[in-house]
Amino acid sequence: MYNYHFAVASQSFFLNQEPIEEILRERTQYYRSYNKDIDFWFVLNPTFFSSSDHSVNYFHKNQAFAAIVSLDKQFIQWLKLRLVFVYIGSFESQSIFLPS
């Protein structure tokens, strides 16, 4: 069983308001410098998340979402501290996560 952790926000927040590209690029470089496999994904319109499922009342129901999904819980917790306006959570899967 795989335990996935995620940070979700509106696509506009991730793509226009925060330097998420820079954060993920730096994380990728860090992983490569330690020969570590990439265990995080940036996903547009994640199918595992809907605002009603998680009782998130600060998202508008009609907006498009994006998520950063990782096997590393500490990375997601760090993102929450860094980005503030994201919702974090987790889910389990019997298979490796493949973004849709």
PDB file of N, CA and C in Angstrom:
ATOM      1  N   MET A   1       0.844  -1.175   0.000  1.00  0.00           N
ATOM      2  CA  MET A   1       0.000   0.000   0.000  1.00  0.00           C
ATOM      3  C   MET A   1       0.890   1.239   0.000  1.00  0.00           C
ATOM      4  N   TYR A   2       0.581   2.186  -0.861  1.00  0.00           N
ATOM      5  CA  TYR A   2       1.316   3.441  -0.957  1.00  0.00           C
ATOM      6  C   TYR A   2       0.537   4.541  -0.237  1.00  0.00           C
ATOM      7  N   ASN A   3       1.224   5.337   0.547  1.00  0.00           N
ATOM      8  CA  ASN A   3       0.619   6.492   1.216  1.00  0.00           C
ATOM      9  C   ASN A   3       1.064   7.754   0.485  1.00  0.00           C
ATOM     10  N   TYR A   4       0.092   8.439  -0.092  1.00  0.00           N
ATOM     11  CA  TYR A   4       0.365   9.667  -0.821  1.00  0.00           C
ATOM     12  C   TYR A   4      -0.104  10.859  -0.011  1.00  0.00           C
ATOM     13  N   HIS A   5       0.613  11.941  -0.132  1.00  0.00           N
ATOM     14  CA  HIS A   5       0.273  13.182   0.543  1.00  0.00           C
ATOM     15  C   HIS A   5       0.168  14.244  -0.536  1.00  0.00           C
ATOM     16  N   PHE A   6      -0.711  15.217  -0.330  1.00  0.00           N
ATOM     17  CA  PHE A   6      -0.903  16.208  -1.376  1.00  0.00           C
ATOM     18  C   PHE A   6      -1.155  17.592  -0.799  1.00  0.00           C
ATOM     19  N   ALA A   7      -0.836  18.566  -1.605  1.00  0.00           N
ATOM     20  CA  ALA A   7      -1.184  19.963  -1.363  1.00  0.00           C
ATOM     21  C   ALA A   7      -1.998  20.398  -2.570  1.00  0.00           C
ATOM     22  N   VAL A   8      -3.188  20.889  -2.336  1.00  0.00           N
ATOM     23  CA  VAL A   8      -4.071  21.273  -3.440  1.00  0.00           C
ATOM     24  C   VAL A   8      -4.478  22.735  -3.287  1.00  0.00           C
ATOM     25  N   ALA A   9      -4.617  23.397  -4.427  1.00  0.00           N
ATOM     26  CA  ALA A   9      -5.062  24.795  -4.479  1.00  0.00           C
ATOM     27  C   ALA A   9      -5.628  25.029  -5.876  1.00  0.00           C
ATOM     28  N   SER A  10      -6.090  26.229  -6.107  1.00  0.00           N
ATOM     29  CA  SER A  10      -6.580  26.541  -7.446  1.00  0.00           C
ATOM     30  C   SER A  10      -5.404  26.570  -8.416  1.00  0.00           C
ATOM     31  N   GLN A  11      -5.690  26.258  -9.660  1.00  0.00           N
ATOM     32  CA  GLN A  11      -4.640  26.325 -10.681  1.00  0.00           C
ATOM     33  C   GLN A  11      -4.090  27.738 -10.780  1.00  0.00           C
ATOM     34  N   SER A  12      -4.948  28.720 -10.657  1.00  0.00           N
ATOM     35  CA  SER A  12      -4.510  30.106 -10.726  1.00  0.00           C
ATOM     36  C   SER A  12      -3.498  30.413  -9.625  1.00  0.00           C
ATOM     37  N   PHE A  13      -3.742  29.930  -8.428  1.00  0.00           N
ATOM     38  CA  PHE A  13      -2.817  30.158  -7.313  1.00  0.00           C
ATOM     39  C   PHE A  13      -1.457  29.550  -7.610  1.00  0.00           C
ATOM     40  N   PHE A  14      -1.450  28.276  -8.012  1.00  0.00           N
ATOM     41  CA  PHE A  14      -0.175  27.598  -8.277  1.00  0.00           C
ATOM     42  C   PHE A  14       0.548  28.178  -9.491  1.00  0.00           C
ATOM     43  N   LEU A  15      -0.177  28.483 -10.534  1.00  0.00           N
ATOM     44  CA  LEU A  15       0.463  28.871 -11.792  1.00  0.00           C
ATOM     45  C   LEU A  15       0.724  30.365 -11.935  1.00  0.00           C
ATOM     46  N   ASN A  16      -0.043  31.201 -11.236  1.00  0.00           N
ATOM     47  CA  ASN A  16       0.094  32.643 -11.421  1.00  0.00           C
ATOM     48  C   ASN A  16       0.548  33.410 -10.185  1.00  0.00           C
ATOM     49  N   GLN A  17       0.253  32.895  -9.007  1.00  0.00           N
ATOM     50  CA  GLN A  17       0.523  33.667  -7.795  1.00  0.00           C
ATOM     51  C   GLN A  17       1.733  33.194  -7.005  1.00  0.00           C
ATOM     52  N   GLU A  18       2.142  31.962  -7.180  1.00  0.00           N
ATOM     53  CA  GLU A  18       3.266  31.412  -6.416  1.00  0.00           C
ATOM     54  C   GLU A  18       4.361  30.917  -7.357  1.00  0.00           C
ATOM     55  N   PRO A  19       5.602  30.938  -6.909  1.00  0.00           N
ATOM     56  CA  PRO A  19       6.714  30.479  -7.754  1.00  0.00           C
ATOM     57  C   PRO A  19       6.852  28.953  -7.731  1.00  0.00           C
ATOM     58  N   ILE A  20       5.759  28.258  -8.022  1.00  0.00           N
ATOM     59  CA  ILE A  20       5.753  26.795  -7.876  1.00  0.00           C
ATOM     60  C   ILE A  20       6.726  26.132  -8.844  1.00  0.00           C
ATOM     61  N   GLU A  21       6.886  26.706 -10.032  1.00  0.00           N
ATOM     62  CA  GLU A  21       7.839  26.137 -10.985  1.00  0.00           C
ATOM     63  C   GLU A  21       9.248  26.150 -10.392  1.00  0.00           C
ATOM     64  N   GLU A  22       9.611  27.250  -9.782  1.00  0.00           N
ATOM     65  CA  GLU A  22      10.933  27.365  -9.166  1.00  0.00           C
ATOM     66  C   GLU A  22      11.095  26.387  -7.993  1.00  0.00           C
ATOM     67  N   ILE A  23      10.076  26.269  -7.175  1.00  0.00           N
ATOM     68  CA  ILE A  23      10.127  25.350  -6.031  1.00  0.00           C
ATOM     69  C   ILE A  23      10.322  23.918  -6.510  1.00  0.00           C
ATOM     70  N   LEU A  24       9.563  23.503  -7.516  1.00  0.00           N
ATOM     71  CA  LEU A  24       9.668  22.124  -8.015  1.00  0.00           C
ATOM     72  C   LEU A  24      10.977  21.893  -8.766  1.00  0.00           C
ATOM     73  N   ARG A  25      11.461  22.899  -9.462  1.00  0.00           N
ATOM     74  CA  ARG A  25      12.746  22.784 -10.149  1.00  0.00           C
ATOM     75  C   ARG A  25      13.876  22.590  -9.123  1.00  0.00           C
ATOM     76  N   GLU A  26      13.861  23.382  -8.045  1.00  0.00           N
ATOM     77  CA  GLU A  26      14.868  23.233  -6.997  1.00  0.00           C
ATOM     78  C   GLU A  26      14.780  21.868  -6.324  1.00  0.00           C
ATOM     79  N   ARG A  27      13.555  21.398  -6.111  1.00  0.00           N
ATOM     80  CA  ARG A  27      13.366  20.071  -5.494  1.00  0.00           C
ATOM     81  C   ARG A  27      13.902  18.985  -6.419  1.00  0.00           C
ATOM     82  N   THR A  28      13.663  19.119  -7.704  1.00  0.00           N
ATOM     83  CA  THR A  28      14.168  18.146  -8.679  1.00  0.00           C
ATOM     84  C   THR A  28      15.698  18.135  -8.685  1.00  0.00           C
ATOM     85  N   GLN A  29      16.317  19.306  -8.670  1.00  0.00           N
ATOM     86  CA  GLN A  29      17.782  19.389  -8.628  1.00  0.00           C
ATOM     87  C   GLN A  29      18.335  18.757  -7.356  1.00  0.00           C
ATOM     88  N   TYR A  30      17.662  18.992  -6.240  1.00  0.00           N
ATOM     89  CA  TYR A  30      18.077  18.386  -4.972  1.00  0.00           C
ATOM     90  C   TYR A  30      18.038  16.859  -5.068  1.00  0.00           C
ATOM     91  N   TYR A  31      16.949  16.308  -5.618  1.00  0.00           N
ATOM     92  CA  TYR A  31      16.820  14.853  -5.766  1.00  0.00           C
ATOM     93  C   TYR A  31      17.929  14.304  -6.668  1.00  0.00           C
ATOM     94  N   ARG A  32      18.178  14.989  -7.771  1.00  0.00           N
ATOM     95  CA  ARG A  32      19.214  14.524  -8.705  1.00  0.00           C
ATOM     96  C   ARG A  32      20.597  14.548  -8.056  1.00  0.00           C
ATOM     97  N   SER A  33      20.879  15.556  -7.256  1.00  0.00           N
ATOM     98  CA  SER A  33      22.194  15.642  -6.614  1.00  0.00           C
ATOM     99  C   SER A  33      22.429  14.507  -5.623  1.00  0.00           C
ATOM    100  N   TYR A  34      21.347  13.920  -5.112  1.00  0.00           N
ATOM    101  CA  TYR A  34      21.457  12.788  -4.191  1.00  0.00           C
ATOM    102  C   TYR A  34      21.049  11.468  -4.833  1.00  0.00           C
ATOM    103  N   ASN A  35      20.915  11.462  -6.169  1.00  0.00           N
ATOM    104  CA  ASN A  35      20.522  10.263  -6.918  1.00  0.00           C
ATOM    105  C   ASN A  35      19.245   9.631  -6.357  1.00  0.00           C
ATOM    106  N   LYS A  36      18.309  10.467  -5.990  1.00  0.00           N
ATOM    107  CA  LYS A  36      17.035  10.013  -5.442  1.00  0.00           C
ATOM    108  C   LYS A  36      15.981  10.040  -6.541  1.00  0.00           C
ATOM    109  N   ASP A  37      15.137   9.009  -6.576  1.00  0.00           N
ATOM    110  CA  ASP A  37      14.051   8.965  -7.547  1.00  0.00           C
ATOM    111  C   ASP A  37      13.025  10.042  -7.230  1.00  0.00           C
ATOM    112  N   ILE A  38      12.493  10.653  -8.273  1.00  0.00           N
ATOM    113  CA  ILE A  38      11.452  11.664  -8.111  1.00  0.00           C
ATOM    114  C   ILE A  38      10.205  10.982  -7.541  1.00  0.00           C
ATOM    115  N   ASP A  39       9.703  11.496  -6.427  1.00  0.00           N
ATOM    116  CA  ASP A  39       8.516  10.920  -5.800  1.00  0.00           C
ATOM    117  C   ASP A  39       7.435  11.973  -5.598  1.00  0.00           C
ATOM    118  N   PHE A  40       7.400  12.948  -6.511  1.00  0.00           N
ATOM    119  CA  PHE A  40       6.365  13.966  -6.446  1.00  0.00           C
ATOM    120  C   PHE A  40       5.917  14.309  -7.860  1.00  0.00           C
ATOM    121  N   TRP A  41       4.673  14.791  -7.962  1.00  0.00           N
ATOM    122  CA  TRP A  41       4.066  15.111  -9.244  1.00  0.00           C
ATOM    123  C   TRP A  41       3.243  16.374  -9.104  1.00  0.00           C
ATOM    124  N   PHE A  42       3.217  17.181 -10.154  1.00  0.00           N
ATOM    125  CA  PHE A  42       2.318  18.325 -10.231  1.00  0.00           C
ATOM    126  C   PHE A  42       1.186  17.907 -11.152  1.00  0.00           C
ATOM    127  N   VAL A  43      -0.041  17.979 -10.641  1.00  0.00           N
ATOM    128  CA  VAL A  43      -1.192  17.442 -11.362  1.00  0.00           C
ATOM    129  C   VAL A  43      -2.251  18.529 -11.547  1.00  0.00           C
ATOM    130  N   LEU A  44      -2.661  18.743 -12.786  1.00  0.00           N
ATOM    131  CA  LEU A  44      -3.777  19.633 -13.069  1.00  0.00           C
ATOM    132  C   LEU A  44      -5.069  18.830 -13.012  1.00  0.00           C
ATOM    133  N   ASN A  45      -6.101  19.412 -12.464  1.00  0.00           N
ATOM    134  CA  ASN A  45      -7.411  18.749 -12.344  1.00  0.00           C
ATOM    135  C   ASN A  45      -7.308  17.357 -11.733  1.00  0.00           C
ATOM    136  N   PRO A  46      -6.776  17.234 -10.517  1.00  0.00           N
ATOM    137  CA  PRO A  46      -6.608  15.917  -9.908  1.00  0.00           C
ATOM    138  C   PRO A  46      -7.948  15.217  -9.689  1.00  0.00           C
ATOM    139  N   THR A  47      -8.047  13.983 -10.141  1.00  0.00           N
ATOM    140  CA  THR A  47      -9.307  13.243 -10.022  1.00  0.00           C
ATOM    141  C   THR A  47      -9.547  12.723  -8.612  1.00  0.00           C
ATOM    142  N   PHE A  48      -8.511  12.649  -7.797  1.00  0.00           N
ATOM    143  CA  PHE A  48      -8.680  12.139  -6.434  1.00  0.00           C
ATOM    144  C   PHE A  48      -9.264  13.183  -5.486  1.00  0.00           C
ATOM    145  N   PHE A  49      -9.375  14.422  -5.924  1.00  0.00           N
ATOM    146  CA  PHE A  49      -9.808  15.503  -5.042  1.00  0.00           C
ATOM    147  C   PHE A  49     -11.039  16.217  -5.573  1.00  0.00           C
ATOM    148  N   SER A  50     -11.974  16.432  -4.693  1.00  0.00           N
ATOM    149  CA  SER A  50     -13.064  17.367  -4.973  1.00  0.00           C
ATOM    150  C   SER A  50     -13.343  18.100  -3.675  1.00  0.00           C
ATOM    151  N   SER A  51     -13.684  19.343  -3.761  1.00  0.00           N
ATOM    152  CA  SER A  51     -13.834  20.159  -2.555  1.00  0.00           C
ATOM    153  C   SER A  51     -14.903  19.606  -1.625  1.00  0.00           C
ATOM    154  N   SER A  52     -15.926  18.987  -2.167  1.00  0.00           N
ATOM    155  CA  SER A  52     -16.976  18.445  -1.306  1.00  0.00           C
ATOM    156  C   SER A  52     -16.488  17.235  -0.519  1.00  0.00           C
ATOM    157  N   ASP A  53     -15.563  16.471  -1.078  1.00  0.00           N
ATOM    158  CA  ASP A  53     -15.033  15.301  -0.378  1.00  0.00           C
ATOM    159  C   ASP A  53     -14.258  15.682   0.862  1.00  0.00           C
ATOM    160  N   HIS A  54     -13.632  16.819   0.848  1.00  0.00           N
ATOM    161  CA  HIS A  54     -12.725  17.194   1.930  1.00  0.00           C
ATOM    162  C   HIS A  54     -13.227  18.366   2.762  1.00  0.00           C
ATOM    163  N   SER A  55     -14.485  18.752   2.563  1.00  0.00           N
ATOM    164  CA  SER A  55     -15.081  19.844   3.336  1.00  0.00           C
ATOM    165  C   SER A  55     -14.228  21.105   3.311  1.00  0.00           C
ATOM    166  N   VAL A  56     -13.711  21.419   2.164  1.00  0.00           N
ATOM    167  CA  VAL A  56     -12.893  22.620   2.020  1.00  0.00           C
ATOM    168  C   VAL A  56     -13.827  23.754   1.649  1.00  0.00           C
ATOM    169  N   ASN A  57     -14.022  24.666   2.567  1.00  0.00           N
ATOM    170  CA  ASN A  57     -14.984  25.719   2.292  1.00  0.00           C
ATOM    171  C   ASN A  57     -14.345  26.980   1.731  1.00  0.00           C
ATOM    172  N   TYR A  58     -13.030  27.039   1.602  1.00  0.00           N
ATOM    173  CA  TYR A  58     -12.426  28.245   1.052  1.00  0.00           C
ATOM    174  C   TYR A  58     -12.102  28.135  -0.423  1.00  0.00           C
ATOM    175  N   PHE A  59     -12.509  27.054  -1.069  1.00  0.00           N
ATOM    176  CA  PHE A  59     -12.372  26.925  -2.516  1.00  0.00           C
ATOM    177  C   PHE A  59     -13.738  27.136  -3.156  1.00  0.00           C
ATOM    178  N   HIS A  60     -13.748  27.773  -4.311  1.00  0.00           N
ATOM    179  CA  HIS A  60     -14.979  27.884  -5.081  1.00  0.00           C
ATOM    180  C   HIS A  60     -15.188  26.572  -5.822  1.00  0.00           C
ATOM    181  N   LYS A  61     -16.402  26.099  -5.845  1.00  0.00           N
ATOM    182  CA  LYS A  61     -16.694  24.796  -6.436  1.00  0.00           C
ATOM    183  C   LYS A  61     -16.443  24.739  -7.945  1.00  0.00           C
ATOM    184  N   ASN A  62     -16.497  25.866  -8.639  1.00  0.00           N
ATOM    185  CA  ASN A  62     -16.362  25.857 -10.095  1.00  0.00           C
ATOM    186  C   ASN A  62     -14.955  26.152 -10.591  1.00  0.00           C
ATOM    187  N   GLN A  63     -13.998  26.311  -9.706  1.00  0.00           N
ATOM    188  CA  GLN A  63     -12.652  26.627 -10.171  1.00  0.00           C
ATOM    189  C   GLN A  63     -11.849  25.359 -10.438  1.00  0.00           C
ATOM    190  N   ALA A  64     -10.855  25.490 -11.268  1.00  0.00           N
ATOM    191  CA  ALA A  64      -9.982  24.362 -11.605  1.00  0.00           C
ATOM    192  C   ALA A  64      -8.920  24.215 -10.515  1.00  0.00           C
ATOM    193  N   PHE A  65      -8.653  22.981 -10.149  1.00  0.00           N
ATOM    194  CA  PHE A  65      -7.677  22.686  -9.107  1.00  0.00           C
ATOM    195  C   PHE A  65      -6.376  22.162  -9.693  1.00  0.00           C
ATOM    196  N   ALA A  66      -5.337  22.247  -8.893  1.00  0.00           N
ATOM    197  CA  ALA A  66      -4.054  21.616  -9.190  1.00  0.00           C
ATOM    198  C   ALA A  66      -3.537  21.065  -7.868  1.00  0.00           C
ATOM    199  N   ALA A  67      -2.674  20.071  -7.959  1.00  0.00           N
ATOM    200  CA  ALA A  67      -2.140  19.466  -6.734  1.00  0.00           C
ATOM    201  C   ALA A  67      -0.685  19.071  -6.935  1.00  0.00           C
ATOM    202  N   ILE A  68       0.022  19.084  -5.843  1.00  0.00           N
ATOM    203  CA  ILE A  68       1.351  18.491  -5.783  1.00  0.00           C
ATOM    204  C   ILE A  68       1.185  17.254  -4.918  1.00  0.00           C
ATOM    205  N   VAL A  69       1.511  16.118  -5.486  1.00  0.00           N
ATOM    206  CA  VAL A  69       1.347  14.829  -4.812  1.00  0.00           C
ATOM    207  C   VAL A  69       2.729  14.259  -4.571  1.00  0.00           C
ATOM    208  N   SER A  70       2.928  13.684  -3.385  1.00  0.00           N
ATOM    209  CA  SER A  70       4.243  13.139  -3.057  1.00  0.00           C
ATOM    210  C   SER A  70       4.114  11.960  -2.098  1.00  0.00           C
ATOM    211  N   LEU A  71       5.120  11.109  -2.123  1.00  0.00           N
ATOM    212  CA  LEU A  71       5.233  10.053  -1.122  1.00  0.00           C
ATOM    213  C   LEU A  71       5.861  10.585   0.166  1.00  0.00           C
ATOM    214  N   ASP A  72       6.417  11.781   0.100  1.00  0.00           N
ATOM    215  CA  ASP A  72       7.145  12.387   1.210  1.00  0.00           C
ATOM    216  C   ASP A  72       6.237  13.361   1.975  1.00  0.00           C
ATOM    217  N   LYS A  73       5.758  12.927   3.131  1.00  0.00           N
ATOM    218  CA  LYS A  73       4.857  13.743   3.938  1.00  0.00           C
ATOM    219  C   LYS A  73       5.518  15.047   4.379  1.00  0.00           C
ATOM    220  N   GLN A  74       6.791  14.987   4.721  1.00  0.00           N
ATOM    221  CA  GLN A  74       7.494  16.196   5.179  1.00  0.00           C
ATOM    222  C   GLN A  74       7.575  17.255   4.079  1.00  0.00           C
ATOM    223  N   PHE A  75       7.746  16.831   2.846  1.00  0.00           N
ATOM    224  CA  PHE A  75       7.775  17.775   1.729  1.00  0.00           C
ATOM    225  C   PHE A  75       6.443  18.502   1.619  1.00  0.00           C
ATOM    226  N   ILE A  76       5.340  17.788   1.730  1.00  0.00           N
ATOM    227  CA  ILE A  76       4.015  18.403   1.644  1.00  0.00           C
ATOM    228  C   ILE A  76       3.778  19.338   2.833  1.00  0.00           C
ATOM    229  N   GLN A  77       4.211  18.930   4.012  1.00  0.00           N
ATOM    230  CA  GLN A  77       4.080  19.807   5.181  1.00  0.00           C
ATOM    231  C   GLN A  77       4.913  21.077   5.007  1.00  0.00           C
ATOM    232  N   TRP A  78       6.095  20.949   4.430  1.00  0.00           N
ATOM    233  CA  TRP A  78       6.930  22.110   4.152  1.00  0.00           C
ATOM    234  C   TRP A  78       6.233  23.032   3.150  1.00  0.00           C
ATOM    235  N   LEU A  79       5.595  22.433   2.111  1.00  0.00           N
ATOM    236  CA  LEU A  79       4.861  23.241   1.136  1.00  0.00           C
ATOM    237  C   LEU A  79       3.746  24.030   1.814  1.00  0.00           C
ATOM    238  N   LYS A  80       3.053  23.401   2.753  1.00  0.00           N
ATOM    239  CA  LYS A  80       1.980  24.084   3.472  1.00  0.00           C
ATOM    240  C   LYS A  80       2.531  25.305   4.214  1.00  0.00           C
ATOM    241  N   LEU A  81       3.680  25.146   4.848  1.00  0.00           N
ATOM    242  CA  LEU A  81       4.296  26.274   5.547  1.00  0.00           C
ATOM    243  C   LEU A  81       4.765  27.347   4.568  1.00  0.00           C
ATOM    244  N   ARG A  82       5.279  26.925   3.434  1.00  0.00           N
ATOM    245  CA  ARG A  82       5.839  27.845   2.436  1.00  0.00           C
ATOM    246  C   ARG A  82       4.753  28.592   1.671  1.00  0.00           C
ATOM    247  N   LEU A  83       3.675  27.871   1.312  1.00  0.00           N
ATOM    248  CA  LEU A  83       2.652  28.435   0.444  1.00  0.00           C
ATOM    249  C   LEU A  83       1.415  28.932   1.195  1.00  0.00           C
ATOM    250  N   VAL A  84       1.183  28.447   2.373  1.00  0.00           N
ATOM    251  CA  VAL A  84       0.097  28.824   3.278  1.00  0.00           C
ATOM    252  C   VAL A  84      -1.295  28.525   2.726  1.00  0.00           C
ATOM    253  N   PHE A  85      -1.665  29.084   1.580  1.00  0.00           N
ATOM    254  CA  PHE A  85      -3.035  28.970   1.086  1.00  0.00           C
ATOM    255  C   PHE A  85      -3.262  27.708   0.255  1.00  0.00           C
ATOM    256  N   VAL A  86      -2.878  26.570   0.798  1.00  0.00           N
ATOM    257  CA  VAL A  86      -3.134  25.279   0.176  1.00  0.00           C
ATOM    258  C   VAL A  86      -3.814  24.386   1.203  1.00  0.00           C
ATOM    259  N   TYR A  87      -4.542  23.418   0.708  1.00  0.00           N
ATOM    260  CA  TYR A  87      -5.156  22.406   1.557  1.00  0.00           C
ATOM    261  C   TYR A  87      -4.292  21.158   1.442  1.00  0.00           C
ATOM    262  N   ILE A  88      -3.939  20.554   2.557  1.00  0.00           N
ATOM    263  CA  ILE A  88      -3.149  19.328   2.496  1.00  0.00           C
ATOM    264  C   ILE A  88      -3.984  18.153   2.981  1.00  0.00           C
ATOM    265  N   GLY A  89      -3.634  16.993   2.487  1.00  0.00           N
ATOM    266  CA  GLY A  89      -4.322  15.774   2.871  1.00  0.00           C
ATOM    267  C   GLY A  89      -3.525  14.576   2.414  1.00  0.00           C
ATOM    268  N   SER A  90      -4.139  13.417   2.506  1.00  0.00           N
ATOM    269  CA  SER A  90      -3.458  12.198   2.086  1.00  0.00           C
ATOM    270  C   SER A  90      -4.480  11.177   1.607  1.00  0.00           C
ATOM    271  N   PHE A  91      -3.983  10.193   0.894  1.00  0.00           N
ATOM    272  CA  PHE A  91      -4.812   9.072   0.470  1.00  0.00           C
ATOM    273  C   PHE A  91      -3.920   7.858   0.299  1.00  0.00           C
ATOM    274  N   GLU A  92      -4.526   6.686   0.277  1.00  0.00           N
ATOM    275  CA  GLU A  92      -3.794   5.439   0.089  1.00  0.00           C
ATOM    276  C   GLU A  92      -4.186   4.822  -1.239  1.00  0.00           C
ATOM    277  N   SER A  93      -3.234   4.108  -1.823  1.00  0.00           N
ATOM    278  CA  SER A  93      -3.485   3.409  -3.072  1.00  0.00           C
ATOM    279  C   SER A  93      -2.659   2.139  -3.097  1.00  0.00           C
ATOM    280  N   GLN A  94      -3.183   1.127  -3.739  1.00  0.00           N
ATOM    281  CA  GLN A  94      -2.445  -0.125  -3.859  1.00  0.00           C
ATOM    282  C   GLN A  94      -1.463  -0.073  -5.016  1.00  0.00           C
ATOM    283  N   SER A  95      -1.573   0.933  -5.842  1.00  0.00           N
ATOM    284  CA  SER A  95      -0.662   1.050  -6.985  1.00  0.00           C
ATOM    285  C   SER A  95       0.042   2.395  -6.967  1.00  0.00           C
ATOM    286  N   ILE A  96       1.065   2.504  -7.766  1.00  0.00           N
ATOM    287  CA  ILE A  96       1.815   3.748  -7.868  1.00  0.00           C
ATOM    288  C   ILE A  96       0.934   4.796  -8.520  1.00  0.00           C
ATOM    289  N   PHE A  97       1.036   6.002  -8.055  1.00  0.00           N
ATOM    290  CA  PHE A  97       0.215   7.103  -8.557  1.00  0.00           C
ATOM    291  C   PHE A  97       0.626   7.468  -9.966  1.00  0.00           C
ATOM    292  N   LEU A  98      -0.342   7.516 -10.847  1.00  0.00           N
ATOM    293  CA  LEU A  98      -0.104   7.976 -12.209  1.00  0.00           C
ATOM    294  C   LEU A  98      -1.042   9.140 -12.465  1.00  0.00           C
ATOM    295  N   PRO A  99      -0.508  10.336 -12.574  1.00  0.00           N
ATOM    296  CA  PRO A  99      -1.370  11.504 -12.786  1.00  0.00           C
ATOM    297  C   PRO A  99      -2.206  11.356 -14.040  1.00  0.00           C
ATOM    298  N   SER A 100      -3.450  11.820 -13.946  1.00  0.00           N
ATOM    299  CA  SER A 100      -4.314  11.744 -15.136  1.00  0.00           C
ATOM    300  C   SER A 100      -4.446  13.079 -15.796  1.00  0.00           C
TER     301      SER A 100
END
